[in-house]
Structures are given as structure tokens and as C-alpha cells.
Amino acid sequence: MDAKQNKTTNEQSKTAAETFTVIGNWKTLSKRLHAKFAQLTESDLKFEIGKEEDLIKRIETRLHKKRDEVIQLLNAAQLVKPHVL
């Protein structure tokens, strides 16, 4: 990847991270995340509107992942459709 492509990728990641918001039912999403990452505690997954950054930092710390990885996990969890019986 050349410098120009790398810069574009970094800008896209930063933009996505800056605009991250919880979509849908947080209780359902937090259960999904806890099922996938058992080490996440209820405290780690506490969410308050407008405090997305705090949530991201707690998950980063607990999972030992970078900010962009946490945002990707959160976004992926939001995209999962519930199973219909």
C-alpha cells in the first residue's frame, strides 16, 4: 500500500470512528457482545447516550484491542440480524 492509499484508509477509519453511534437496542447488542467476549463485564458494557467514547475505551482495555478494532466489532455486532424461528 502506498502512502496515498494508507492516508485515505486512515482518514476513512478515523471518520468511521468519529461518527460511531449505537443503533438499535443496546441491551440486545450488549448481550451479543458478552456472548462473544465472555470477559466483558456488565460495567464494561454500560452505555450512556453521548458517551460512546467511554464505552469504546472500556472495551479496548478489557479486550486488549485497538480503537478501530473495537469499533469494527461494535459495528459488526449491530449488523447481525436476530434469528427468526
PDB file of N, CA and C in Angstrom:
ATOM      1  N   MET A   1       0.855  -1.165   0.000  1.00  0.00           N
ATOM      2  CA  MET A   1       0.000   0.000   0.000  1.00  0.00           C
ATOM      3  C   MET A   1       0.903   1.230   0.000  1.00  0.00           C
ATOM      4  N   ASP A   2       0.650   2.127  -0.915  1.00  0.00           N
ATOM      5  CA  ASP A   2       1.478   3.329  -0.962  1.00  0.00           C
ATOM      6  C   ASP A   2       0.978   4.353   0.064  1.00  0.00           C
ATOM      7  N   ALA A   3       1.735   5.434   0.234  1.00  0.00           N
ATOM      8  CA  ALA A   3       1.426   6.439   1.253  1.00  0.00           C
ATOM      9  C   ALA A   3       0.056   7.075   1.036  1.00  0.00           C
ATOM     10  N   LYS A   4      -0.305   7.316  -0.239  1.00  0.00           N
ATOM     11  CA  LYS A   4      -1.595   7.946  -0.537  1.00  0.00           C
ATOM     12  C   LYS A   4      -2.752   7.031  -0.129  1.00  0.00           C
ATOM     13  N   GLN A   5      -2.652   5.742  -0.479  1.00  0.00           N
ATOM     14  CA  GLN A   5      -3.694   4.794  -0.114  1.00  0.00           C
ATOM     15  C   GLN A   5      -3.783   4.658   1.404  1.00  0.00           C
ATOM     16  N   ASN A   6      -2.626   4.604   2.060  1.00  0.00           N
ATOM     17  CA  ASN A   6      -2.596   4.469   3.508  1.00  0.00           C
ATOM     18  C   ASN A   6      -3.267   5.668   4.172  1.00  0.00           C
ATOM     19  N   LYS A   7      -2.991   6.871   3.667  1.00  0.00           N
ATOM     20  CA  LYS A   7      -3.595   8.088   4.212  1.00  0.00           C
ATOM     21  C   LYS A   7      -5.114   8.039   4.046  1.00  0.00           C
ATOM     22  N   THR A   8      -5.575   7.621   2.883  1.00  0.00           N
ATOM     23  CA  THR A   8      -7.009   7.526   2.628  1.00  0.00           C
ATOM     24  C   THR A   8      -7.651   6.520   3.573  1.00  0.00           C
ATOM     25  N   THR A   9      -7.021   5.367   3.754  1.00  0.00           N
ATOM     26  CA  THR A   9      -7.538   4.345   4.655  1.00  0.00           C
ATOM     27  C   THR A   9      -7.608   4.878   6.076  1.00  0.00           C
ATOM     28  N   ASN A  10      -6.564   5.561   6.517  1.00  0.00           N
ATOM     29  CA  ASN A  10      -6.557   6.125   7.864  1.00  0.00           C
ATOM     30  C   ASN A  10      -7.654   7.164   8.034  1.00  0.00           C
ATOM     31  N   GLU A  11      -7.869   8.000   7.025  1.00  0.00           N
ATOM     32  CA  GLU A  11      -8.917   9.013   7.100  1.00  0.00           C
ATOM     33  C   GLU A  11     -10.293   8.366   7.171  1.00  0.00           C
ATOM     34  N   GLN A  12     -10.502   7.302   6.396  1.00  0.00           N
ATOM     35  CA  GLN A  12     -11.785   6.611   6.419  1.00  0.00           C
ATOM     36  C   GLN A  12     -12.021   5.985   7.781  1.00  0.00           C
ATOM     37  N   SER A  13     -10.995   5.350   8.361  1.00  0.00           N
ATOM     38  CA  SER A  13     -11.121   4.737   9.675  1.00  0.00           C
ATOM     39  C   SER A  13     -11.428   5.788  10.724  1.00  0.00           C
ATOM     40  N   LYS A  14     -10.730   6.901  10.663  1.00  0.00           N
ATOM     41  CA  LYS A  14     -10.931   7.972  11.626  1.00  0.00           C
ATOM     42  C   LYS A  14     -12.348   8.523  11.507  1.00  0.00           C
ATOM     43  N   THR A  15     -12.813   8.723  10.300  1.00  0.00           N
ATOM     44  CA  THR A  15     -14.155   9.248  10.094  1.00  0.00           C
ATOM     45  C   THR A  15     -15.193   8.281  10.642  1.00  0.00           C
ATOM     46  N   ALA A  16     -15.027   6.994  10.359  1.00  0.00           N
ATOM     47  CA  ALA A  16     -15.964   5.994  10.859  1.00  0.00           C
ATOM     48  C   ALA A  16     -15.958   5.978  12.381  1.00  0.00           C
ATOM     49  N   ALA A  17     -14.777   6.088  12.967  1.00  0.00           N
ATOM     50  CA  ALA A  17     -14.655   6.068  14.416  1.00  0.00           C
ATOM     51  C   ALA A  17     -15.293   7.299  15.033  1.00  0.00           C
ATOM     52  N   GLU A  18     -15.086   8.442  14.423  1.00  0.00           N
ATOM     53  CA  GLU A  18     -15.619   9.682  14.970  1.00  0.00           C
ATOM     54  C   GLU A  18     -17.139   9.707  14.915  1.00  0.00           C
ATOM     55  N   THR A  19     -17.732   9.024  13.961  1.00  0.00           N
ATOM     56  CA  THR A  19     -19.177   9.068  13.792  1.00  0.00           C
ATOM     57  C   THR A  19     -19.867   7.824  14.342  1.00  0.00           C
ATOM     58  N   PHE A  20     -19.171   7.004  15.105  1.00  0.00           N
ATOM     59  CA  PHE A  20     -19.771   5.793  15.646  1.00  0.00           C
ATOM     60  C   PHE A  20     -20.903   6.134  16.611  1.00  0.00           C
ATOM     61  N   THR A  21     -22.045   5.509  16.394  1.00  0.00           N
ATOM     62  CA  THR A  21     -23.169   5.632  17.316  1.00  0.00           C
ATOM     63  C   THR A  21     -23.842   4.280  17.445  1.00  0.00           C
ATOM     64  N   VAL A  22     -24.452   4.072  18.575  1.00  0.00           N
ATOM     65  CA  VAL A  22     -25.177   2.831  18.807  1.00  0.00           C
ATOM     66  C   VAL A  22     -26.493   2.912  18.055  1.00  0.00           C
ATOM     67  N   ILE A  23     -26.783   1.855  17.309  1.00  0.00           N
ATOM     68  CA  ILE A  23     -28.021   1.781  16.538  1.00  0.00           C
ATOM     69  C   ILE A  23     -28.826   0.601  17.075  1.00  0.00           C
ATOM     70  N   GLY A  24     -30.080   0.816  17.339  1.00  0.00           N
ATOM     71  CA  GLY A  24     -30.929  -0.273  17.792  1.00  0.00           C
ATOM     72  C   GLY A  24     -30.938  -0.421  19.306  1.00  0.00           C
ATOM     73  N   ASN A  25     -31.283  -1.608  19.751  1.00  0.00           N
ATOM     74  CA  ASN A  25     -31.447  -1.910  21.162  1.00  0.00           C
ATOM     75  C   ASN A  25     -30.099  -2.256  21.786  1.00  0.00           C
ATOM     76  N   TRP A  26     -29.594  -1.385  22.667  1.00  0.00           N
ATOM     77  CA  TRP A  26     -28.285  -1.610  23.273  1.00  0.00           C
ATOM     78  C   TRP A  26     -28.282  -2.865  24.140  1.00  0.00           C
ATOM     79  N   LYS A  27     -29.378  -3.163  24.818  1.00  0.00           N
ATOM     80  CA  LYS A  27     -29.432  -4.349  25.675  1.00  0.00           C
ATOM     81  C   LYS A  27     -29.175  -5.613  24.850  1.00  0.00           C
ATOM     82  N   THR A  28     -29.799  -5.701  23.705  1.00  0.00           N
ATOM     83  CA  THR A  28     -29.597  -6.844  22.811  1.00  0.00           C
ATOM     84  C   THR A  28     -28.166  -6.885  22.300  1.00  0.00           C
ATOM     85  N   LEU A  29     -27.660  -5.745  21.891  1.00  0.00           N
ATOM     86  CA  LEU A  29     -26.292  -5.667  21.373  1.00  0.00           C
ATOM     87  C   LEU A  29     -25.278  -6.039  22.449  1.00  0.00           C
ATOM     88  N   SER A  30     -25.480  -5.562  23.667  1.00  0.00           N
ATOM     89  CA  SER A  30     -24.531  -5.871  24.735  1.00  0.00           C
ATOM     90  C   SER A  30     -24.549  -7.360  25.067  1.00  0.00           C
ATOM     91  N   LYS A  31     -25.718  -7.988  25.005  1.00  0.00           N
ATOM     92  CA  LYS A  31     -25.803  -9.441  25.230  1.00  0.00           C
ATOM     93  C   LYS A  31     -25.027 -10.193  24.154  1.00  0.00           C
ATOM     94  N   ARG A  32     -25.152  -9.738  22.918  1.00  0.00           N
ATOM     95  CA  ARG A  32     -24.411 -10.335  21.803  1.00  0.00           C
ATOM     96  C   ARG A  32     -22.907 -10.241  22.036  1.00  0.00           C
ATOM     97  N   LEU A  33     -22.466  -9.048  22.444  1.00  0.00           N
ATOM     98  CA  LEU A  33     -21.033  -8.834  22.693  1.00  0.00           C
ATOM     99  C   LEU A  33     -20.546  -9.689  23.854  1.00  0.00           C
ATOM    100  N   HIS A  34     -21.351  -9.793  24.914  1.00  0.00           N
ATOM    101  CA  HIS A  34     -20.950 -10.592  26.068  1.00  0.00           C
ATOM    102  C   HIS A  34     -20.886 -12.076  25.696  1.00  0.00           C
ATOM    103  N   ALA A  35     -21.797 -12.527  24.853  1.00  0.00           N
ATOM    104  CA  ALA A  35     -21.777 -13.924  24.414  1.00  0.00           C
ATOM    105  C   ALA A  35     -20.509 -14.230  23.620  1.00  0.00           C
ATOM    106  N   LYS A  36     -20.070 -13.275  22.835  1.00  0.00           N
ATOM    107  CA  LYS A  36     -18.871 -13.477  22.019  1.00  0.00           C
ATOM    108  C   LYS A  36     -17.592 -13.264  22.822  1.00  0.00           C
ATOM    109  N   PHE A  37     -17.621 -12.332  23.764  1.00  0.00           N
ATOM    110  CA  PHE A  37     -16.450 -11.993  24.576  1.00  0.00           C
ATOM    111  C   PHE A  37     -16.847 -12.080  26.048  1.00  0.00           C
ATOM    112  N   ALA A  38     -16.760 -13.277  26.614  1.00  0.00           N
ATOM    113  CA  ALA A  38     -17.208 -13.517  27.986  1.00  0.00           C
ATOM    114  C   ALA A  38     -16.480 -12.658  29.012  1.00  0.00           C
ATOM    115  N   GLN A  39     -15.280 -12.195  28.676  1.00  0.00           N
ATOM    116  CA  GLN A  39     -14.521 -11.384  29.630  1.00  0.00           C
ATOM    117  C   GLN A  39     -15.091  -9.976  29.804  1.00  0.00           C
ATOM    118  N   LEU A  40     -15.978  -9.554  28.912  1.00  0.00           N
ATOM    119  CA  LEU A  40     -16.615  -8.242  29.062  1.00  0.00           C
ATOM    120  C   LEU A  40     -17.607  -8.294  30.215  1.00  0.00           C
ATOM    121  N   THR A  41     -17.513  -7.321  31.104  1.00  0.00           N
ATOM    122  CA  THR A  41     -18.403  -7.269  32.259  1.00  0.00           C
ATOM    123  C   THR A  41     -19.589  -6.349  31.972  1.00  0.00           C
ATOM    124  N   GLU A  42     -20.561  -6.405  32.857  1.00  0.00           N
ATOM    125  CA  GLU A  42     -21.715  -5.508  32.740  1.00  0.00           C
ATOM    126  C   GLU A  42     -21.246  -4.051  32.801  1.00  0.00           C
ATOM    127  N   SER A  43     -20.257  -3.808  33.640  1.00  0.00           N
ATOM    128  CA  SER A  43     -19.697  -2.459  33.769  1.00  0.00           C
ATOM    129  C   SER A  43     -19.013  -2.012  32.472  1.00  0.00           C
ATOM    130  N   ASP A  44     -18.294  -2.938  31.828  1.00  0.00           N
ATOM    131  CA  ASP A  44     -17.632  -2.619  30.555  1.00  0.00           C
ATOM    132  C   ASP A  44     -18.656  -2.226  29.500  1.00  0.00           C
ATOM    133  N   LEU A  45     -19.810  -2.861  29.545  1.00  0.00           N
ATOM    134  CA  LEU A  45     -20.821  -2.684  28.509  1.00  0.00           C
ATOM    135  C   LEU A  45     -21.885  -1.645  28.865  1.00  0.00           C
ATOM    136  N   LYS A  46     -21.670  -0.925  29.961  1.00  0.00           N
ATOM    137  CA  LYS A  46     -22.611   0.133  30.333  1.00  0.00           C
ATOM    138  C   LYS A  46     -22.549   1.235  29.285  1.00  0.00           C
ATOM    139  N   PHE A  47     -23.717   1.610  28.784  1.00  0.00           N
ATOM    140  CA  PHE A  47     -23.774   2.620  27.726  1.00  0.00           C
ATOM    141  C   PHE A  47     -24.657   3.781  28.139  1.00  0.00           C
ATOM    142  N   GLU A  48     -24.152   4.990  27.906  1.00  0.00           N
ATOM    143  CA  GLU A  48     -24.932   6.206  28.113  1.00  0.00           C
ATOM    144  C   GLU A  48     -24.886   7.012  26.820  1.00  0.00           C
ATOM    145  N   ILE A  49     -26.019   7.537  26.425  1.00  0.00           N
ATOM    146  CA  ILE A  49     -26.099   8.343  25.204  1.00  0.00           C
ATOM    147  C   ILE A  49     -25.115   9.499  25.298  1.00  0.00           C
ATOM    148  N   GLY A  50     -24.350   9.673  24.225  1.00  0.00           N
ATOM    149  CA  GLY A  50     -23.357  10.736  24.175  1.00  0.00           C
ATOM    150  C   GLY A  50     -22.010  10.344  24.756  1.00  0.00           C
ATOM    151  N   LYS A  51     -21.920   9.139  25.327  1.00  0.00           N
ATOM    152  CA  LYS A  51     -20.665   8.697  25.939  1.00  0.00           C
ATOM    153  C   LYS A  51     -20.120   7.454  25.236  1.00  0.00           C
ATOM    154  N   GLU A  52     -20.274   7.421  23.927  1.00  0.00           N
ATOM    155  CA  GLU A  52     -19.783   6.300  23.145  1.00  0.00           C
ATOM    156  C   GLU A  52     -18.276   6.114  23.325  1.00  0.00           C
ATOM    157  N   GLU A  53     -17.553   7.218  23.439  1.00  0.00           N
ATOM    158  CA  GLU A  53     -16.097   7.160  23.582  1.00  0.00           C
ATOM    159  C   GLU A  53     -15.702   6.411  24.856  1.00  0.00           C
ATOM    160  N   ASP A  54     -16.429   6.632  25.942  1.00  0.00           N
ATOM    161  CA  ASP A  54     -16.145   5.927  27.194  1.00  0.00           C
ATOM    162  C   ASP A  54     -16.363   4.426  27.018  1.00  0.00           C
ATOM    163  N   LEU A  55     -17.442   4.068  26.349  1.00  0.00           N
ATOM    164  CA  LEU A  55     -17.739   2.664  26.072  1.00  0.00           C
ATOM    165  C   LEU A  55     -16.610   2.033  25.268  1.00  0.00           C
ATOM    166  N   ILE A  56     -16.186   2.695  24.219  1.00  0.00           N
ATOM    167  CA  ILE A  56     -15.114   2.181  23.359  1.00  0.00           C
ATOM    168  C   ILE A  56     -13.842   1.977  24.171  1.00  0.00           C
ATOM    169  N   LYS A  57     -13.490   2.931  25.012  1.00  0.00           N
ATOM    170  CA  LYS A  57     -12.263   2.827  25.812  1.00  0.00           C
ATOM    171  C   LYS A  57     -12.327   1.664  26.791  1.00  0.00           C
ATOM    172  N   ARG A  58     -13.476   1.447  27.423  1.00  0.00           N
ATOM    173  CA  ARG A  58     -13.597   0.318  28.356  1.00  0.00           C
ATOM    174  C   ARG A  58     -13.430  -1.011  27.626  1.00  0.00           C
ATOM    175  N   ILE A  59     -14.045  -1.128  26.457  1.00  0.00           N
ATOM    176  CA  ILE A  59     -13.938  -2.374  25.690  1.00  0.00           C
ATOM    177  C   ILE A  59     -12.512  -2.562  25.183  1.00  0.00           C
ATOM    178  N   GLU A  60     -11.882  -1.486  24.723  1.00  0.00           N
ATOM    179  CA  GLU A  60     -10.474  -1.538  24.294  1.00  0.00           C
ATOM    180  C   GLU A  60      -9.612  -2.132  25.396  1.00  0.00           C
ATOM    181  N   THR A  61      -9.768  -1.593  26.588  1.00  0.00           N
ATOM    182  CA  THR A  61      -8.960  -2.018  27.730  1.00  0.00           C
ATOM    183  C   THR A  61      -9.202  -3.484  28.057  1.00  0.00           C
ATOM    184  N   ARG A  62     -10.462  -3.884  28.141  1.00  0.00           N
ATOM    185  CA  ARG A  62     -10.795  -5.251  28.540  1.00  0.00           C
ATOM    186  C   ARG A  62     -10.343  -6.276  27.502  1.00  0.00           C
ATOM    187  N   LEU A  63     -10.506  -5.959  26.223  1.00  0.00           N
ATOM    188  CA  LEU A  63     -10.173  -6.924  25.164  1.00  0.00           C
ATOM    189  C   LEU A  63      -8.746  -6.782  24.646  1.00  0.00           C
ATOM    190  N   HIS A  64      -8.032  -5.765  25.115  1.00  0.00           N
ATOM    191  CA  HIS A  64      -6.661  -5.507  24.642  1.00  0.00           C
ATOM    192  C   HIS A  64      -6.641  -5.354  23.125  1.00  0.00           C
ATOM    193  N   LYS A  65      -7.568  -4.548  22.639  1.00  0.00           N
ATOM    194  CA  LYS A  65      -7.659  -4.290  21.200  1.00  0.00           C
ATOM    195  C   LYS A  65      -7.531  -2.799  20.945  1.00  0.00           C
ATOM    196  N   LYS A  66      -7.164  -2.477  19.712  1.00  0.00           N
ATOM    197  CA  LYS A  66      -7.063  -1.072  19.311  1.00  0.00           C
ATOM    198  C   LYS A  66      -8.457  -0.507  19.082  1.00  0.00           C
ATOM    199  N   ARG A  67      -8.529   0.805  19.130  1.00  0.00           N
ATOM    200  CA  ARG A  67      -9.794   1.522  18.984  1.00  0.00           C
ATOM    201  C   ARG A  67     -10.535   1.132  17.710  1.00  0.00           C
ATOM    202  N   ASP A  68      -9.834   1.096  16.591  1.00  0.00           N
ATOM    203  CA  ASP A  68     -10.507   0.772  15.328  1.00  0.00           C
ATOM    204  C   ASP A  68     -11.031  -0.659  15.324  1.00  0.00           C
ATOM    205  N   GLU A  69     -10.336  -1.569  16.008  1.00  0.00           N
ATOM    206  CA  GLU A  69     -10.805  -2.955  16.095  1.00  0.00           C
ATOM    207  C   GLU A  69     -12.098  -3.026  16.909  1.00  0.00           C
ATOM    208  N   VAL A  70     -12.146  -2.275  17.999  1.00  0.00           N
ATOM    209  CA  VAL A  70     -13.347  -2.255  18.838  1.00  0.00           C
ATOM    210  C   VAL A  70     -14.530  -1.698  18.050  1.00  0.00           C
ATOM    211  N   ILE A  71     -14.292  -0.639  17.311  1.00  0.00           N
ATOM    212  CA  ILE A  71     -15.369  -0.043  16.516  1.00  0.00           C
ATOM    213  C   ILE A  71     -15.854  -1.027  15.456  1.00  0.00           C
ATOM    214  N   GLN A  72     -14.936  -1.759  14.843  1.00  0.00           N
ATOM    215  CA  GLN A  72     -15.335  -2.778  13.866  1.00  0.00           C
ATOM    216  C   GLN A  72     -16.186  -3.853  14.536  1.00  0.00           C
ATOM    217  N   LEU A  73     -15.797  -4.276  15.752  1.00  0.00           N
ATOM    218  CA  LEU A  73     -16.577  -5.279  16.484  1.00  0.00           C
ATOM    219  C   LEU A  73     -17.983  -4.762  16.787  1.00  0.00           C
ATOM    220  N   LEU A  74     -18.050  -3.529  17.259  1.00  0.00           N
ATOM    221  CA  LEU A  74     -19.349  -2.938  17.581  1.00  0.00           C
ATOM    222  C   LEU A  74     -20.225  -2.807  16.337  1.00  0.00           C
ATOM    223  N   ASN A  75     -19.637  -2.336  15.264  1.00  0.00           N
ATOM    224  CA  ASN A  75     -20.402  -2.191  14.019  1.00  0.00           C
ATOM    225  C   ASN A  75     -20.870  -3.541  13.500  1.00  0.00           C
ATOM    226  N   ALA A  76     -20.000  -4.551  13.567  1.00  0.00           N
ATOM    227  CA  ALA A  76     -20.371  -5.889  13.101  1.00  0.00           C
ATOM    228  C   ALA A  76     -21.504  -6.456  13.954  1.00  0.00           C
ATOM    229  N   ALA A  77     -21.437  -6.246  15.256  1.00  0.00           N
ATOM    230  CA  ALA A  77     -22.483  -6.748  16.149  1.00  0.00           C
ATOM    231  C   ALA A  77     -23.821  -6.069  15.864  1.00  0.00           C
ATOM    232  N   GLN A  78     -23.787  -4.815  15.463  1.00  0.00           N
ATOM    233  CA  GLN A  78     -25.020  -4.090  15.138  1.00  0.00           C
ATOM    234  C   GLN A  78     -25.645  -4.596  13.847  1.00  0.00           C
ATOM    235  N   LEU A  79     -24.835  -5.156  12.965  1.00  0.00           N
ATOM    236  CA  LEU A  79     -25.332  -5.607  11.669  1.00  0.00           C
ATOM    237  C   LEU A  79     -25.950  -6.996  11.715  1.00  0.00           C
ATOM    238  N   VAL A  80     -25.708  -7.745  12.790  1.00  0.00           N
ATOM    239  CA  VAL A  80     -26.211  -9.107  12.907  1.00  0.00           C
ATOM    240  C   VAL A  80     -27.720  -9.068  13.062  1.00  0.00           C
ATOM    241  N   LYS A  81     -28.397  -9.835  12.232  1.00  0.00           N
ATOM    242  CA  LYS A  81     -29.858  -9.918  12.297  1.00  0.00           C
ATOM    243  C   LYS A  81     -30.240 -11.020  13.283  1.00  0.00           C
ATOM    244  N   PRO A  82     -31.254 -10.797  14.113  1.00  0.00           N
ATOM    245  CA  PRO A  82     -31.699 -11.848  15.032  1.00  0.00           C
ATOM    246  C   PRO A  82     -32.284 -13.016  14.247  1.00  0.00           C
ATOM    247  N   HIS A  83     -32.142 -14.203  14.805  1.00  0.00           N
ATOM    248  CA  HIS A  83     -32.688 -15.398  14.151  1.00  0.00           C
ATOM    249  C   HIS A  83     -34.208 -15.412  14.284  1.00  0.00           C
ATOM    250  N   VAL A  84     -34.855 -15.732  13.211  1.00  0.00           N
ATOM    251  CA  VAL A  84     -36.314 -15.827  13.212  1.00  0.00           C
ATOM    252  C   VAL A  84     -36.675 -17.293  13.313  1.00  0.00           C
ATOM    253  N   LEU A  85     -37.552 -17.617  14.259  1.00  0.00           N
ATOM    254  CA  LEU A  85     -37.949 -19.021  14.452  1.00  0.00           C
ATOM    255  C   LEU A  85     -39.120 -19.382  13.598  1.00  0.00           C
TER     256      LEU A  85
END
